[in-house]
């Protein structure tokens, strides 16, 4: 099953973050994203033509994050949105982060 077809599962901690080699393998499925934070986060900068389009994207991503129960860190302004995913409860990456990145790519 493709990442964008999966649903995030609740993660309350007690799990180990994905090892870097597994995270790197999943990166192939989410074009445009990069590993950050010494392998504990993934991030991407999206570019848009104006503020309204950036805001619309961020609002759609916020609704998706609420529906999935997995929330990004978002910075945005005129013509851009910086998105970072990591699983706070485990202090690193989980498959949920990659699911959300794939779904975020579909929004853009």
N, C-alpha and C. Protein backbone atom coordinates (compact mmCIF):
# COMPACT_ATOMS: atom_id res chain seq x y z
N UNK A 1 0.85 -1.18 0.00
CA UNK A 1 0.00 0.00 0.00
C UNK A 1 0.89 1.24 0.00
N UNK A 2 0.54 2.20 -0.82
CA UNK A 2 1.29 3.45 -0.89
C UNK A 2 1.09 4.26 0.39
N UNK A 3 2.08 5.07 0.73
CA UNK A 3 2.01 5.86 1.96
C UNK A 3 0.77 6.74 2.03
N UNK A 4 0.44 7.40 0.93
CA UNK A 4 -0.70 8.33 0.96
C UNK A 4 -2.04 7.62 1.13
N UNK A 5 -2.06 6.30 0.99
CA UNK A 5 -3.29 5.54 1.18
C UNK A 5 -3.41 5.01 2.62
N UNK A 6 -2.35 5.13 3.39
CA UNK A 6 -2.37 4.65 4.77
C UNK A 6 -2.96 5.69 5.70
N UNK A 7 -3.32 5.26 6.89
CA UNK A 7 -3.83 6.16 7.93
C UNK A 7 -2.84 6.15 9.09
N UNK A 8 -2.62 7.30 9.68
CA UNK A 8 -1.72 7.38 10.83
C UNK A 8 -2.31 6.59 11.99
N UNK A 9 -1.43 5.93 12.72
CA UNK A 9 -1.84 5.19 13.90
C UNK A 9 -1.42 5.98 15.14
N UNK A 10 -2.19 5.93 16.21
CA UNK A 10 -1.81 6.66 17.42
C UNK A 10 -0.44 6.21 17.94
N UNK A 11 0.37 7.16 18.32
CA UNK A 11 1.68 6.86 18.89
C UNK A 11 1.82 7.65 20.18
N UNK A 12 1.78 6.96 21.27
CA UNK A 12 1.87 7.60 22.59
C UNK A 12 3.23 7.42 23.23
N UNK A 13 4.20 6.97 22.46
CA UNK A 13 5.53 6.73 23.01
C UNK A 13 5.74 5.24 23.25
N UNK A 14 6.85 4.92 23.85
CA UNK A 14 7.17 3.53 24.12
C UNK A 14 7.71 2.78 22.91
N UNK A 15 7.88 3.49 21.80
CA UNK A 15 8.45 2.91 20.59
C UNK A 15 9.79 3.55 20.32
N UNK A 16 10.62 2.86 19.59
CA UNK A 16 11.88 3.45 19.16
C UNK A 16 11.66 4.20 17.85
N UNK A 17 12.33 5.34 17.66
CA UNK A 17 12.26 6.01 16.37
C UNK A 17 12.83 5.12 15.28
N UNK A 18 12.43 5.39 14.04
CA UNK A 18 12.98 4.63 12.91
C UNK A 18 14.49 4.82 12.83
N UNK A 19 15.22 3.75 12.58
CA UNK A 19 16.66 3.90 12.34
C UNK A 19 16.88 4.70 11.05
N UNK A 20 18.00 5.38 10.95
CA UNK A 20 18.29 6.24 9.82
C UNK A 20 18.18 5.49 8.50
N UNK A 21 18.65 4.25 8.42
CA UNK A 21 18.59 3.52 7.15
C UNK A 21 17.14 3.27 6.71
N UNK A 22 16.23 3.03 7.65
CA UNK A 22 14.82 2.85 7.30
C UNK A 22 14.20 4.18 6.87
N UNK A 23 14.57 5.25 7.55
CA UNK A 23 14.07 6.57 7.17
C UNK A 23 14.55 6.94 5.77
N UNK A 24 15.81 6.67 5.48
CA UNK A 24 16.36 6.98 4.16
C UNK A 24 15.64 6.18 3.07
N UNK A 25 15.29 4.95 3.34
CA UNK A 25 14.56 4.13 2.37
C UNK A 25 13.17 4.71 2.10
N UNK A 26 12.51 5.22 3.13
CA UNK A 26 11.19 5.81 2.95
C UNK A 26 11.25 7.16 2.23
N UNK A 27 12.39 7.83 2.28
CA UNK A 27 12.54 9.13 1.63
C UNK A 27 12.28 9.04 0.12
N UNK A 28 12.55 7.90 -0.47
CA UNK A 28 12.32 7.73 -1.91
C UNK A 28 10.84 7.86 -2.26
N UNK A 29 9.98 7.67 -1.29
CA UNK A 29 8.53 7.71 -1.53
C UNK A 29 7.93 9.10 -1.32
N UNK A 30 8.76 10.05 -0.86
CA UNK A 30 8.24 11.40 -0.60
C UNK A 30 9.14 12.44 -1.26
N UNK A 31 9.03 12.59 -2.58
CA UNK A 31 9.89 13.53 -3.30
C UNK A 31 9.80 14.95 -2.75
N UNK A 32 10.95 15.61 -2.71
CA UNK A 32 11.02 17.00 -2.27
C UNK A 32 11.34 17.16 -0.79
N UNK A 33 11.25 16.11 -0.02
CA UNK A 33 11.51 16.17 1.41
C UNK A 33 12.96 15.84 1.70
N UNK A 34 13.44 16.30 2.85
CA UNK A 34 14.81 15.98 3.27
C UNK A 34 14.80 15.61 4.75
N UNK A 35 15.80 14.84 5.12
CA UNK A 35 15.98 14.47 6.52
C UNK A 35 16.71 15.61 7.22
N UNK A 36 16.27 15.95 8.40
CA UNK A 36 16.86 17.04 9.18
C UNK A 36 17.01 16.60 10.63
N UNK A 37 17.60 17.47 11.43
CA UNK A 37 17.71 17.21 12.86
C UNK A 37 18.45 15.94 13.19
N UNK A 38 19.56 15.71 12.52
CA UNK A 38 20.36 14.49 12.76
C UNK A 38 19.53 13.22 12.60
N UNK A 39 18.63 13.23 11.62
CA UNK A 39 17.83 12.05 11.33
C UNK A 39 16.57 11.91 12.15
N UNK A 40 16.19 12.97 12.88
CA UNK A 40 15.01 12.89 13.74
C UNK A 40 13.78 13.59 13.15
N UNK A 41 13.95 14.28 12.01
CA UNK A 41 12.85 15.04 11.42
C UNK A 41 12.93 14.94 9.90
N UNK A 42 11.79 15.23 9.26
CA UNK A 42 11.78 15.44 7.82
C UNK A 42 11.16 16.80 7.56
N UNK A 43 11.63 17.47 6.50
CA UNK A 43 11.13 18.81 6.23
C UNK A 43 11.08 19.08 4.74
N UNK A 44 10.22 20.03 4.39
CA UNK A 44 10.12 20.47 3.01
C UNK A 44 9.62 21.91 2.98
N UNK A 45 10.14 22.68 2.02
CA UNK A 45 9.64 24.03 1.79
C UNK A 45 8.82 24.00 0.51
N UNK A 46 7.58 24.45 0.62
CA UNK A 46 6.68 24.55 -0.53
C UNK A 46 6.63 26.01 -0.96
N UNK A 47 6.62 26.26 -2.25
CA UNK A 47 6.57 27.62 -2.79
C UNK A 47 5.23 27.84 -3.50
N UNK A 48 4.70 29.06 -3.34
CA UNK A 48 3.42 29.42 -3.92
C UNK A 48 3.53 30.82 -4.54
N UNK A 49 2.51 31.20 -5.29
CA UNK A 49 2.55 32.47 -6.00
C UNK A 49 2.19 33.68 -5.15
N UNK A 50 1.54 33.45 -4.01
CA UNK A 50 1.11 34.59 -3.20
C UNK A 50 0.75 34.12 -1.79
N UNK A 51 0.38 35.06 -0.96
CA UNK A 51 0.05 34.76 0.44
C UNK A 51 -1.22 33.92 0.55
N UNK A 52 -2.24 34.28 -0.21
CA UNK A 52 -3.53 33.59 -0.11
C UNK A 52 -3.36 32.10 -0.43
N UNK A 53 -2.57 31.78 -1.43
CA UNK A 53 -2.36 30.38 -1.79
C UNK A 53 -1.59 29.65 -0.69
N UNK A 54 -0.61 30.32 -0.10
CA UNK A 54 0.13 29.73 1.02
C UNK A 54 -0.81 29.45 2.19
N UNK A 55 -1.64 30.42 2.51
CA UNK A 55 -2.59 30.27 3.61
C UNK A 55 -3.58 29.15 3.34
N UNK A 56 -4.08 29.07 2.12
CA UNK A 56 -5.01 28.00 1.76
C UNK A 56 -4.37 26.63 1.95
N UNK A 57 -3.12 26.49 1.50
CA UNK A 57 -2.39 25.23 1.66
C UNK A 57 -2.24 24.88 3.14
N UNK A 58 -1.84 25.85 3.94
CA UNK A 58 -1.64 25.62 5.37
C UNK A 58 -2.96 25.23 6.05
N UNK A 59 -4.04 25.88 5.67
CA UNK A 59 -5.35 25.53 6.24
C UNK A 59 -5.76 24.11 5.87
N UNK A 60 -5.54 23.72 4.62
CA UNK A 60 -5.86 22.35 4.20
C UNK A 60 -4.98 21.34 4.94
N UNK A 61 -3.71 21.67 5.11
CA UNK A 61 -2.82 20.78 5.84
C UNK A 61 -3.24 20.68 7.31
N UNK A 62 -3.68 21.78 7.89
CA UNK A 62 -4.16 21.75 9.27
C UNK A 62 -5.37 20.84 9.42
N UNK A 63 -6.29 20.89 8.48
CA UNK A 63 -7.47 20.02 8.52
C UNK A 63 -7.07 18.56 8.36
N UNK A 64 -6.13 18.29 7.46
CA UNK A 64 -5.64 16.93 7.27
C UNK A 64 -4.96 16.43 8.53
N UNK A 65 -4.14 17.26 9.14
CA UNK A 65 -3.43 16.87 10.37
C UNK A 65 -4.41 16.54 11.48
N UNK A 66 -5.46 17.31 11.61
CA UNK A 66 -6.49 17.02 12.62
C UNK A 66 -7.18 15.70 12.33
N UNK A 67 -7.50 15.46 11.06
CA UNK A 67 -8.18 14.21 10.69
C UNK A 67 -7.29 12.99 10.95
N UNK A 68 -5.99 13.15 10.74
CA UNK A 68 -5.05 12.04 10.92
C UNK A 68 -4.52 11.94 12.35
N UNK A 69 -4.69 12.99 13.13
CA UNK A 69 -4.17 12.99 14.49
C UNK A 69 -2.65 13.05 14.54
N UNK A 70 -2.04 13.66 13.52
CA UNK A 70 -0.58 13.78 13.48
C UNK A 70 -0.25 15.15 12.90
N UNK A 71 0.39 15.98 13.69
CA UNK A 71 0.50 17.41 13.38
C UNK A 71 1.93 17.84 13.06
N UNK A 72 2.08 18.68 12.05
CA UNK A 72 3.40 19.19 11.67
C UNK A 72 3.72 20.48 12.42
N UNK A 73 4.98 20.85 12.34
CA UNK A 73 5.38 22.21 12.67
C UNK A 73 5.31 22.97 11.35
N UNK A 74 4.67 24.13 11.37
CA UNK A 74 4.44 24.90 10.15
C UNK A 74 4.95 26.33 10.33
N UNK A 75 5.71 26.80 9.35
CA UNK A 75 6.06 28.21 9.24
C UNK A 75 5.62 28.65 7.85
N UNK A 76 4.94 29.78 7.74
CA UNK A 76 4.52 30.20 6.40
C UNK A 76 4.42 31.71 6.32
N UNK A 77 4.39 32.17 5.09
CA UNK A 77 4.25 33.58 4.81
C UNK A 77 3.96 33.76 3.34
N UNK A 78 4.24 34.95 2.84
CA UNK A 78 3.95 35.26 1.45
C UNK A 78 4.74 34.33 0.53
N UNK A 79 4.04 33.41 -0.14
CA UNK A 79 4.65 32.57 -1.16
C UNK A 79 5.37 31.33 -0.67
N UNK A 80 5.26 30.97 0.60
CA UNK A 80 5.96 29.77 1.06
C UNK A 80 5.27 29.15 2.27
N UNK A 81 5.59 27.87 2.47
CA UNK A 81 5.21 27.15 3.69
C UNK A 81 6.33 26.16 4.00
N UNK A 82 6.90 26.27 5.19
CA UNK A 82 7.93 25.34 5.67
C UNK A 82 7.25 24.32 6.57
N UNK A 83 7.37 23.05 6.21
CA UNK A 83 6.68 21.99 6.94
C UNK A 83 7.72 21.03 7.51
N UNK A 84 7.57 20.69 8.79
CA UNK A 84 8.45 19.73 9.46
C UNK A 84 7.59 18.70 10.17
N UNK A 85 7.93 17.44 9.95
CA UNK A 85 7.27 16.35 10.67
C UNK A 85 8.28 15.59 11.51
N UNK A 86 7.88 15.26 12.71
CA UNK A 86 8.56 14.27 13.55
C UNK A 86 7.58 13.87 14.62
N UNK A 87 7.82 12.74 15.23
CA UNK A 87 6.89 12.24 16.23
C UNK A 87 7.40 12.63 17.61
N UNK A 88 6.76 13.63 18.18
CA UNK A 88 7.17 14.18 19.47
C UNK A 88 7.27 13.11 20.55
N UNK A 89 6.31 12.20 20.57
CA UNK A 89 6.22 11.21 21.64
C UNK A 89 7.43 10.27 21.69
N UNK A 90 8.12 10.11 20.56
CA UNK A 90 9.29 9.23 20.55
C UNK A 90 10.58 9.98 20.23
N UNK A 91 10.46 11.29 20.03
CA UNK A 91 11.65 12.11 19.78
C UNK A 91 12.37 11.77 18.48
N UNK A 92 11.62 11.37 17.48
CA UNK A 92 12.23 11.02 16.20
C UNK A 92 11.18 10.68 15.17
N UNK A 93 11.58 9.92 14.18
CA UNK A 93 10.71 9.60 13.06
C UNK A 93 9.96 8.29 13.25
N UNK A 94 8.72 8.30 12.77
CA UNK A 94 7.83 7.14 12.79
C UNK A 94 7.22 7.08 11.38
N UNK A 95 6.68 5.95 11.01
CA UNK A 95 6.04 5.85 9.69
C UNK A 95 4.97 6.93 9.51
N UNK A 96 4.30 7.34 10.58
CA UNK A 96 3.28 8.39 10.49
C UNK A 96 3.83 9.65 9.83
N UNK A 97 5.08 10.00 10.12
CA UNK A 97 5.66 11.20 9.54
C UNK A 97 5.74 11.10 8.02
N UNK A 98 6.06 9.92 7.54
CA UNK A 98 6.18 9.70 6.10
C UNK A 98 4.81 9.62 5.44
N UNK A 99 3.84 9.06 6.14
CA UNK A 99 2.46 9.05 5.65
C UNK A 99 1.97 10.49 5.46
N UNK A 100 2.20 11.31 6.48
CA UNK A 100 1.75 12.70 6.39
C UNK A 100 2.51 13.49 5.33
N UNK A 101 3.79 13.22 5.16
CA UNK A 101 4.56 13.90 4.10
C UNK A 101 3.99 13.53 2.73
N UNK A 102 3.67 12.27 2.52
CA UNK A 102 3.09 11.84 1.23
C UNK A 102 1.75 12.52 1.00
N UNK A 103 0.93 12.60 2.03
CA UNK A 103 -0.37 13.24 1.90
C UNK A 103 -0.22 14.75 1.69
N UNK A 104 0.78 15.33 2.32
CA UNK A 104 1.06 16.76 2.14
C UNK A 104 1.46 17.04 0.70
N UNK A 105 2.27 16.17 0.13
CA UNK A 105 2.65 16.33 -1.27
C UNK A 105 1.42 16.32 -2.17
N UNK A 106 0.44 15.49 -1.86
CA UNK A 106 -0.78 15.45 -2.66
C UNK A 106 -1.57 16.75 -2.55
N UNK A 107 -1.54 17.41 -1.39
CA UNK A 107 -2.24 18.68 -1.21
C UNK A 107 -1.64 19.78 -2.10
N UNK A 108 -0.32 19.73 -2.23
CA UNK A 108 0.36 20.77 -3.00
C UNK A 108 0.09 20.58 -4.47
